[in-house]
C-alpha atoms as a PDB file:
ATOM      1  CA  MET A   1      -0.519   9.389 -40.000  1.00  0.00           C
ATOM      2  CA  LEU A   2       2.424   9.128 -42.424  1.00  0.00           C
ATOM      3  CA  ASN A   3       2.096  10.942 -45.731  1.00  0.00           C
ATOM      4  CA  GLN A   4       2.483   8.956 -48.954  1.00  0.00           C
ATOM      5  CA  ARG A   5       6.206   9.676 -49.340  1.00  0.00           C
ATOM      6  CA  GLU A   6       6.986   8.608 -45.771  1.00  0.00           C
ATOM      7  CA  SER A   7       4.831   5.507 -46.126  1.00  0.00           C
ATOM      8  CA  GLY A   8       6.714   4.420 -49.241  1.00  0.00           C
ATOM      9  CA  THR A   9      10.035   4.876 -47.474  1.00  0.00           C
ATOM     10  CA  GLU A  10       8.873   2.864 -44.469  1.00  0.00           C
ATOM     11  CA  ASN A  11       7.517   0.036 -46.641  1.00  0.00           C
ATOM     12  CA  SER A  12      10.807  -0.175 -48.527  1.00  0.00           C
ATOM     13  CA  TRP A  13      12.725  -0.295 -45.249  1.00  0.00           C
ATOM     14  CA  ARG A  14      10.427  -3.016 -43.820  1.00  0.00           C
ATOM     15  CA  THR A  15      10.694  -5.100 -46.997  1.00  0.00           C
ATOM     16  CA  LYS A  16      14.479  -5.052 -46.771  1.00  0.00           C
ATOM     17  CA  LEU A  17      14.307  -6.012 -43.108  1.00  0.00           C
ATOM     18  CA  PHE A  18      12.097  -9.058 -43.765  1.00  0.00           C
ATOM     19  CA  GLN A  19      14.102 -10.091 -46.837  1.00  0.00           C
ATOM     20  CA  GLY A  20      17.370  -9.861 -44.936  1.00  0.00           C
ATOM     21  CA  THR A  21      18.809  -7.319 -47.381  1.00  0.00           C
ATOM     22  CA  LEU A  22      18.944  -4.380 -44.989  1.00  0.00           C
ATOM     23  CA  GLN A  23      22.395  -2.776 -45.017  1.00  0.00           C
ATOM     24  CA  PHE A  24      23.434  -1.223 -41.731  1.00  0.00           C
ATOM     25  CA  PRO A  25      24.031   1.642 -41.276  1.00  0.00           C
ATOM     26  CA  LYS A  26      23.299   2.893 -44.813  1.00  0.00           C
ATOM     27  CA  ASP A  27      19.643   1.867 -44.977  1.00  0.00           C
ATOM     28  CA  ILE A  28      18.977   3.113 -41.455  1.00  0.00           C
ATOM     29  CA  LEU A  29      20.451   6.499 -42.357  1.00  0.00           C
ATOM     30  CA  ASP A  30      18.472   6.583 -45.617  1.00  0.00           C
ATOM     31  CA  PHE A  31      15.307   5.924 -43.623  1.00  0.00           C
ATOM     32  CA  ILE A  32      16.034   8.628 -41.039  1.00  0.00           C
ATOM     33  CA  PHE A  33      17.614  11.088 -43.487  1.00  0.00           C
ATOM     34  CA  PRO A  34      16.219  10.304 -46.949  1.00  0.00           C
ATOM     35  CA  ARG A  35      18.184  11.669 -49.888  1.00  0.00           C
ATOM     36  CA  ILE A  36      16.378  14.670 -51.331  1.00  0.00           C
ATOM     37  CA  CYS A  37      16.824  16.031 -54.852  1.00  0.00           C
ATOM     38  CA  ILE A  38      18.311  19.540 -54.688  1.00  0.00           C
ATOM     39  CA  VAL A  39      16.138  20.636 -57.615  1.00  0.00           C
ATOM     40  CA  SER A  40      12.714  19.105 -57.003  1.00  0.00           C
ATOM     41  CA  GLY A  41      12.824  18.638 -53.232  1.00  0.00           C
ATOM     42  CA  GLU A  42      11.498  15.103 -53.755  1.00  0.00           C
ATOM     43  CA  LYS A  43      12.996  11.902 -52.360  1.00  0.00           C
ATOM     44  CA  ILE A  44      15.653  10.452 -54.656  1.00  0.00           C
ATOM     45  CA  PRO A  45      14.929   6.892 -55.859  1.00  0.00           C
ATOM     46  CA  GLU A  46      17.128   4.145 -54.444  1.00  0.00           C
ATOM     47  CA  ASP A  47      18.456   3.191 -57.881  1.00  0.00           C
ATOM     48  CA  ASN A  48      19.391   6.774 -58.790  1.00  0.00           C
ATOM     49  CA  SER A  49      22.850   7.255 -60.297  1.00  0.00           C
ATOM     50  CA  ASN A  50      23.818   9.911 -57.728  1.00  0.00           C
ATOM     51  CA  PRO A  51      22.651  11.205 -54.322  1.00  0.00           C
ATOM     52  CA  PHE A  52      22.049  14.818 -55.368  1.00  0.00           C
ATOM     53  CA  VAL A  53      19.830  15.173 -58.437  1.00  0.00           C
ATOM     54  CA  SER A  54      17.155  12.784 -59.682  1.00  0.00           C
ATOM     55  CA  ASP A  55      18.101  11.078 -62.932  1.00  0.00           C
ATOM     56  CA  SER A  56      14.750  12.102 -64.395  1.00  0.00           C
ATOM     57  CA  ILE A  57      15.783  15.741 -63.994  1.00  0.00           C
ATOM     58  CA  LEU A  58      19.300  15.209 -65.338  1.00  0.00           C
ATOM     59  CA  THR A  59      17.936  13.611 -68.496  1.00  0.00           C
ATOM     60  CA  SER A  60      15.422  16.423 -69.026  1.00  0.00           C
ATOM     61  CA  LEU A  61      17.863  19.345 -68.732  1.00  0.00           C
ATOM     62  CA  ASN A  62      17.846  21.684 -71.735  1.00  0.00           C
ATOM     63  CA  ARG A  63      20.729  20.942 -74.096  1.00  0.00           C
ATOM     64  CA  ILE A  64      22.290  23.771 -76.064  1.00  0.00           C
ATOM     65  CA  SER A  65      21.107  24.143 -79.658  1.00  0.00           C
ATOM     66  CA  SER A  66      23.125  24.243 -82.874  1.00  0.00           C
ATOM     67  CA  SER A  67      22.841  28.039 -82.864  1.00  0.00           C
ATOM     68  CA  ASP A  68      24.146  28.060 -79.285  1.00  0.00           C
ATOM     69  CA  GLU A  69      27.109  25.969 -80.439  1.00  0.00           C
ATOM     70  CA  ALA A  70      27.839  28.454 -83.209  1.00  0.00           C
ATOM     71  CA  GLU A  71      27.699  31.299 -80.701  1.00  0.00           C
ATOM     72  CA  LEU A  72      30.047  29.415 -78.381  1.00  0.00           C
ATOM     73  CA  PHE A  73      32.615  28.968 -81.168  1.00  0.00           C
ATOM     74  CA  SER A  74      32.390  32.677 -81.995  1.00  0.00           C
ATOM     75  CA  LYS A  75      33.127  33.617 -78.368  1.00  0.00           C
ATOM     76  CA  LEU A  76      36.084  31.369 -77.740  1.00  0.00           C
ATOM     77  CA  GLU A  77      39.655  31.399 -79.024  1.00  0.00           C
ATOM     78  CA  ALA A  78      40.177  27.728 -78.193  1.00  0.00           C
ATOM     79  CA  ASP A  79      40.752  25.279 -81.044  1.00  0.00           C
ATOM     80  CA  GLU A  80      37.719  23.217 -80.059  1.00  0.00           C
ATOM     81  CA  CYS A  81      34.904  23.752 -77.592  1.00  0.00           C
ATOM     82  CA  LEU A  82      31.960  21.933 -76.078  1.00  0.00           C
ATOM     83  CA  SER A  83      29.178  22.867 -73.694  1.00  0.00           C
ATOM     84  CA  LEU A  84      26.186  20.744 -72.771  1.00  0.00           C
ATOM     85  CA  PHE A  85      23.330  22.628 -71.141  1.00  0.00           C
ATOM     86  CA  THR A  86      21.687  26.034 -71.253  1.00  0.00           C
ATOM     87  CA  PHE A  87      22.020  28.246 -68.198  1.00  0.00           C
ATOM     88  CA  SER A  88      19.697  31.164 -67.478  1.00  0.00           C
ATOM     89  CA  GLY A  89      17.684  32.716 -64.682  1.00  0.00           C
ATOM     90  CA  GLU A  90      16.116  30.194 -62.329  1.00  0.00           C
ATOM     91  CA  CYS A  91      16.445  27.173 -64.602  1.00  0.00           C
ATOM     92  CA  GLU A  92      17.177  23.737 -63.157  1.00  0.00           C
ATOM     93  CA  MET A  93      20.826  23.819 -64.242  1.00  0.00           C
ATOM     94  CA  SER A  94      21.224  27.220 -62.606  1.00  0.00           C
ATOM     95  CA  LYS A  95      20.002  25.747 -59.326  1.00  0.00           C
ATOM     96  CA  ILE A  96      22.368  22.772 -59.630  1.00  0.00           C
ATOM     97  CA  ILE A  97      25.410  24.967 -60.353  1.00  0.00           C
ATOM     98  CA  HIS A  98      24.527  27.456 -57.615  1.00  0.00           C
ATOM     99  CA  THR A  99      24.120  24.672 -55.045  1.00  0.00           C
ATOM    100  CA  MET A 100      27.429  23.140 -56.091  1.00  0.00           C
ATOM    101  CA  LYS A 101      29.330  26.435 -55.819  1.00  0.00           C
ATOM    102  CA  TYR A 102      27.818  28.100 -52.788  1.00  0.00           C
ATOM    103  CA  SER A 103      26.213  25.419 -50.610  1.00  0.00           C
ATOM    104  CA  GLY A 104      29.140  23.061 -50.120  1.00  0.00           C
ATOM    105  CA  PHE A 105      27.919  20.362 -52.525  1.00  0.00           C
ATOM    106  CA  LYS A 106      31.282  20.001 -54.282  1.00  0.00           C
ATOM    107  CA  SER A 107      30.660  16.345 -55.156  1.00  0.00           C
ATOM    108  CA  ILE A 108      27.944  17.421 -57.587  1.00  0.00           C
ATOM    109  CA  GLY A 109      30.886  18.523 -59.716  1.00  0.00           C
ATOM    110  CA  ASN A 110      32.010  14.937 -60.124  1.00  0.00           C
ATOM    111  CA  VAL A 111      28.524  13.919 -61.288  1.00  0.00           C
ATOM    112  CA  LEU A 112      28.394  16.742 -63.837  1.00  0.00           C
ATOM    113  CA  GLY A 113      31.978  16.050 -64.878  1.00  0.00           C
ATOM    114  CA  ARG A 114      31.223  12.443 -65.721  1.00  0.00           C
ATOM    115  CA  ILE A 115      28.289  13.541 -67.884  1.00  0.00           C
ATOM    116  CA  LEU A 116      30.576  16.039 -69.625  1.00  0.00           C
ATOM    117  CA  GLY A 117      33.293  13.405 -69.942  1.00  0.00           C
ATOM    118  CA  GLU A 118      30.939  10.954 -71.633  1.00  0.00           C
ATOM    119  CA  GLU A 119      30.074  13.559 -74.252  1.00  0.00           C
ATOM    120  CA  LEU A 120      33.728  14.491 -74.730  1.00  0.00           C
ATOM    121  CA  ALA A 121      34.642  10.827 -75.198  1.00  0.00           C
ATOM    122  CA  LYS A 122      32.291  10.704 -78.201  1.00  0.00           C
ATOM    123  CA  LYS A 123      33.768  13.791 -79.844  1.00  0.00           C
ATOM    124  CA  LEU A 124      37.450  13.981 -78.935  1.00  0.00           C
ATOM    125  CA  GLN A 125      39.823  12.896 -81.659  1.00  0.00           C
ATOM    126  CA  GLY A 126      43.498  12.281 -81.098  1.00  0.00           C
ATOM    127  CA  GLU A 127      45.589  12.490 -77.962  1.00  0.00           C
ATOM    128  CA  LEU A 128      44.652  14.529 -74.902  1.00  0.00           C
ATOM    129  CA  ASN A 129      47.567  15.282 -72.580  1.00  0.00           C
ATOM    130  CA  PHE A 130      46.241  17.437 -69.757  1.00  0.00           C
ATOM    131  CA  ILE A 131      42.901  18.273 -68.142  1.00  0.00           C
ATOM    132  CA  LEU A 132      42.994  21.725 -66.545  1.00  0.00           C
ATOM    133  CA  PRO A 133      40.212  23.020 -64.279  1.00  0.00           C
ATOM    134  CA  VAL A 134      39.829  26.798 -64.425  1.00  0.00           C
ATOM    135  CA  PRO A 135      41.827  27.890 -61.355  1.00  0.00           C
ATOM    136  CA  ILE A 136      40.532  30.102 -58.573  1.00  0.00           C
ATOM    137  CA  HIS A 137      42.655  32.413 -56.434  1.00  0.00           C
ATOM    138  CA  LYS A 138      43.960  31.119 -53.115  1.00  0.00           C
ATOM    139  CA  ALA A 139      41.856  33.723 -51.274  1.00  0.00           C
ATOM    140  CA  ARG A 140      38.698  32.422 -52.961  1.00  0.00           C
ATOM    141  CA  MET A 141      39.794  28.867 -52.222  1.00  0.00           C
ATOM    142  CA  LYS A 142      40.195  29.737 -48.552  1.00  0.00           C
ATOM    143  CA  GLU A 143      36.756  31.348 -48.492  1.00  0.00           C
ATOM    144  CA  ARG A 144      34.884  28.591 -50.345  1.00  0.00           C
ATOM    145  CA  GLY A 145      37.030  25.632 -49.381  1.00  0.00           C
ATOM    146  CA  TYR A 146      37.123  24.103 -52.865  1.00  0.00           C
ATOM    147  CA  ASN A 147      37.233  24.832 -56.568  1.00  0.00           C
ATOM    148  CA  GLN A 148      34.072  23.525 -58.227  1.00  0.00           C
ATOM    149  CA  SER A 149      35.808  23.356 -61.606  1.00  0.00           C
ATOM    150  CA  TYR A 150      38.375  20.964 -60.141  1.00  0.00           C
ATOM    151  CA  HIS A 151      35.628  18.542 -59.107  1.00  0.00           C
ATOM    152  CA  ILE A 152      34.049  18.767 -62.562  1.00  0.00           C
ATOM    153  CA  ALA A 153      37.456  18.131 -64.148  1.00  0.00           C
ATOM    154  CA  LYS A 154      37.979  15.191 -61.802  1.00  0.00           C
ATOM    155  CA  GLY A 155      34.743  13.674 -63.079  1.00  0.00           C
ATOM    156  CA  VAL A 156      35.864  14.258 -66.669  1.00  0.00           C
ATOM    157  CA  ALA A 157      39.223  12.606 -65.913  1.00  0.00           C
ATOM    158  CA  GLY A 158      37.358   9.506 -64.792  1.00  0.00           C
ATOM    159  CA  ILE A 159      35.991   9.093 -68.313  1.00  0.00           C
ATOM    160  CA  VAL A 160      38.587  10.411 -70.780  1.00  0.00           C
ATOM    161  CA  SER A 161      42.347   9.961 -70.832  1.00  0.00           C
ATOM    162  CA  GLY A 162      44.649  12.800 -69.825  1.00  0.00           C
ATOM    163  CA  ILE A 163      46.500  13.930 -66.711  1.00  0.00           C
ATOM    164  CA  LEU A 164      44.425  15.990 -64.274  1.00  0.00           C
ATOM    165  CA  ALA A 165      46.758  18.996 -64.014  1.00  0.00           C
ATOM    166  CA  ASN A 166      45.225  21.085 -61.262  1.00  0.00           C
ATOM    167  CA  ASP A 167      48.330  23.254 -60.724  1.00  0.00           C
ATOM    168  CA  LEU A 168      49.360  23.753 -64.338  1.00  0.00           C
ATOM    169  CA  VAL A 169      48.020  27.326 -64.391  1.00  0.00           C
ATOM    170  CA  ILE A 170      47.524  29.604 -61.392  1.00  0.00           C
ATOM    171  CA  ARG A 171      45.331  32.632 -60.843  1.00  0.00           C
ATOM    172  CA  ASN A 172      47.778  35.320 -59.770  1.00  0.00           C
ATOM    173  CA  ARG A 173      45.270  37.831 -58.437  1.00  0.00           C
ATOM    174  CA  ASN A 174      41.885  37.679 -56.776  1.00  0.00           C
ATOM    175  CA  THR A 175      39.662  39.074 -59.499  1.00  0.00           C
ATOM    176  CA  GLN A 176      36.235  40.552 -58.930  1.00  0.00           C
ATOM    177  CA  THR A 177      33.372  38.105 -59.434  1.00  0.00           C
ATOM    178  CA  GLN A 178      32.253  38.137 -63.070  1.00  0.00           C
ATOM    179  CA  THR A 179      28.553  37.704 -62.332  1.00  0.00           C
ATOM    180  CA  LYS A 180      27.401  41.314 -62.761  1.00  0.00           C
ATOM    181  CA  LEU A 181      30.005  42.484 -65.286  1.00  0.00           C
ATOM    182  CA  ASN A 182      29.374  43.083 -68.973  1.00  0.00           C
ATOM    183  CA  LYS A 183      31.484  41.558 -71.740  1.00  0.00           C
ATOM    184  CA  LYS A 184      34.086  44.351 -71.832  1.00  0.00           C
ATOM    185  CA  GLU A 185      34.356  44.476 -68.038  1.00  0.00           C
ATOM    186  CA  ARG A 186      34.761  40.700 -67.825  1.00  0.00           C
ATOM    187  CA  SER A 187      37.622  40.764 -70.301  1.00  0.00           C
ATOM    188  CA  GLU A 188      39.372  43.580 -68.430  1.00  0.00           C
ATOM    189  CA  ASN A 189      38.751  41.881 -65.088  1.00  0.00           C
ATOM    190  CA  VAL A 190      40.630  38.701 -66.013  1.00  0.00           C
ATOM    191  CA  SER A 191      43.316  40.315 -68.166  1.00  0.00           C
ATOM    192  CA  LEU A 192      46.757  38.990 -67.091  1.00  0.00           C
ATOM    193  CA  ALA A 193      45.098  37.184 -64.167  1.00  0.00           C
ATOM    194  CA  PHE A 194      46.574  33.778 -65.071  1.00  0.00           C
ATOM    195  CA  GLU A 195      50.062  32.395 -65.552  1.00  0.00           C
ATOM    196  CA  ILE A 196      51.813  29.071 -65.930  1.00  0.00           C
ATOM    197  CA  ASN A 197      52.802  27.750 -62.512  1.00  0.00           C
ATOM    198  CA  SER A 198      56.605  28.000 -62.378  1.00  0.00           C
ATOM    199  CA  LYS A 199      56.667  25.268 -59.716  1.00  0.00           C
ATOM    200  CA  ASN A 200      54.935  22.772 -61.988  1.00  0.00           C
ATOM    201  CA  SER A 201      57.235  20.228 -63.601  1.00  0.00           C
ATOM    202  CA  LEU A 202      54.844  19.225 -66.404  1.00  0.00           C
ATOM    203  CA  ARG A 203      56.090  19.895 -69.924  1.00  0.00           C
ATOM    204  CA  VAL A 204      53.342  21.523 -71.957  1.00  0.00           C
ATOM    205  CA  GLU A 205      55.161  22.184 -75.235  1.00  0.00           C
ATOM    206  CA  ASN A 206      53.237  20.709 -78.189  1.00  0.00           C
ATOM    207  CA  SER A 207      50.616  19.273 -75.832  1.00  0.00           C
ATOM    208  CA  VAL A 208      46.830  19.209 -76.036  1.00  0.00           C
ATOM    209  CA  VAL A 209      45.093  20.747 -73.019  1.00  0.00           C
ATOM    210  CA  LEU A 210      41.418  20.469 -72.096  1.00  0.00           C
ATOM    211  CA  VAL A 211      40.251  23.461 -70.027  1.00  0.00           C
ATOM    212  CA  VAL A 212      37.188  22.687 -67.897  1.00  0.00           C
ATOM    213  CA  ASP A 213      34.763  25.186 -66.339  1.00  0.00           C
ATOM    214  CA  ASP A 214      31.272  25.112 -64.878  1.00  0.00           C
ATOM    215  CA  VAL A 215      29.630  27.836 -66.981  1.00  0.00           C
ATOM    216  CA  ILE A 216      30.840  29.796 -69.998  1.00  0.00           C
ATOM    217  CA  THR A 217      29.254  33.231 -70.374  1.00  0.00           C
ATOM    218  CA  THR A 218      31.314  35.645 -72.506  1.00  0.00           C
ATOM    219  CA  GLY A 219      34.295  33.308 -72.664  1.00  0.00           C
ATOM    220  CA  ALA A 220      36.658  35.921 -71.198  1.00  0.00           C
ATOM    221  CA  THR A 221      38.162  33.581 -68.594  1.00  0.00           C
ATOM    222  CA  ILE A 222      38.672  30.687 -71.005  1.00  0.00           C
ATOM    223  CA  ASN A 223      40.184  33.032 -73.598  1.00  0.00           C
ATOM    224  CA  GLU A 224      42.681  34.461 -71.121  1.00  0.00           C
ATOM    225  CA  ILE A 225      43.772  30.965 -70.087  1.00  0.00           C
ATOM    226  CA  THR A 226      44.010  29.971 -73.752  1.00  0.00           C
ATOM    227  CA  LYS A 227      46.456  32.841 -74.375  1.00  0.00           C
ATOM    228  CA  VAL A 228      48.626  31.763 -71.446  1.00  0.00           C
ATOM    229  CA  LEU A 229      48.699  28.158 -72.628  1.00  0.00           C
ATOM    230  CA  ARG A 230      49.567  29.062 -76.212  1.00  0.00           C
ATOM    231  CA  ASP A 231      52.320  31.422 -75.071  1.00  0.00           C
ATOM    232  CA  SER A 232      53.774  28.445 -73.203  1.00  0.00           C
ATOM    233  CA  GLY A 233      53.880  26.280 -76.306  1.00  0.00           C
ATOM    234  CA  VAL A 234      50.628  24.326 -76.002  1.00  0.00           C
ATOM    235  CA  LYS A 235      49.625  23.023 -79.434  1.00  0.00           C
ATOM    236  CA  ASN A 236      45.852  22.738 -79.028  1.00  0.00           C
ATOM    237  CA  VAL A 237      43.416  24.065 -76.448  1.00  0.00           C
ATOM    238  CA  ILE A 238      40.007  22.461 -76.003  1.00  0.00           C
ATOM    239  CA  ALA A 239      37.427  24.297 -73.890  1.00  0.00           C
ATOM    240  CA  ALA A 240      34.582  22.425 -72.216  1.00  0.00           C
ATOM    241  CA  SER A 241      31.907  23.457 -69.762  1.00  0.00           C
ATOM    242  CA  VAL A 242      28.858  21.922 -68.190  1.00  0.00           C
ATOM    243  CA  ALA A 243      26.694  24.857 -69.223  1.00  0.00           C
ATOM    244  CA  MET A 244      26.567  27.946 -71.394  1.00  0.00           C
ATOM    245  CA  ALA A 245      24.865  31.111 -70.207  1.00  0.00           C
ATOM    246  CA  SER A 246      22.438  32.732 -72.596  1.00  0.00           C
END
């Protein structure tokens, strides 16, 4: 006997078949391999905005508070900053970010980036020239296969204006992961770890650059990139992340 979830899937498939709206091979694949939410483990509704996380979960994620915003501004040296969601322990956003970074679900970044982009579009004033994902070292890229911040930035670029400048800044050494480091250690770990890419032809003097990351914790990485950009003549640096760690 089919359980209730399987029965609902089968009924939907049969209805489409009889109505002549069945799309091969998509609907067949959805029937055999239903899309499952990476957070809840439940089947994702057909009208969901993305194939990874149920919209009901995305809309219920904890947003940062006004006190969190004040803390974010105190951490960062950027001219403006924005973060959307809280990030701690085993929270839903933690699971989404972890799955995106370590389980090959890079396209989740685009989903999160569009959400971030929509919020940025409401708050950005004036011209934005470049959108810069926080770079990872080539060794880390080889190991993971992708930079999650690039996919977030790509989603942002689909909403707000600005050139997606993936190679504007490079990470010149493979730094230790920041996860278990304290604030002082994080700052030392990323010190002088970034530089303007000499092979990049983009002119950054007097420009406005949006730096995009997945999670901001102490702000050490963003601050180091901000220094590099300002030393290169960038006029304004805006920092944005999907989440802020508490």
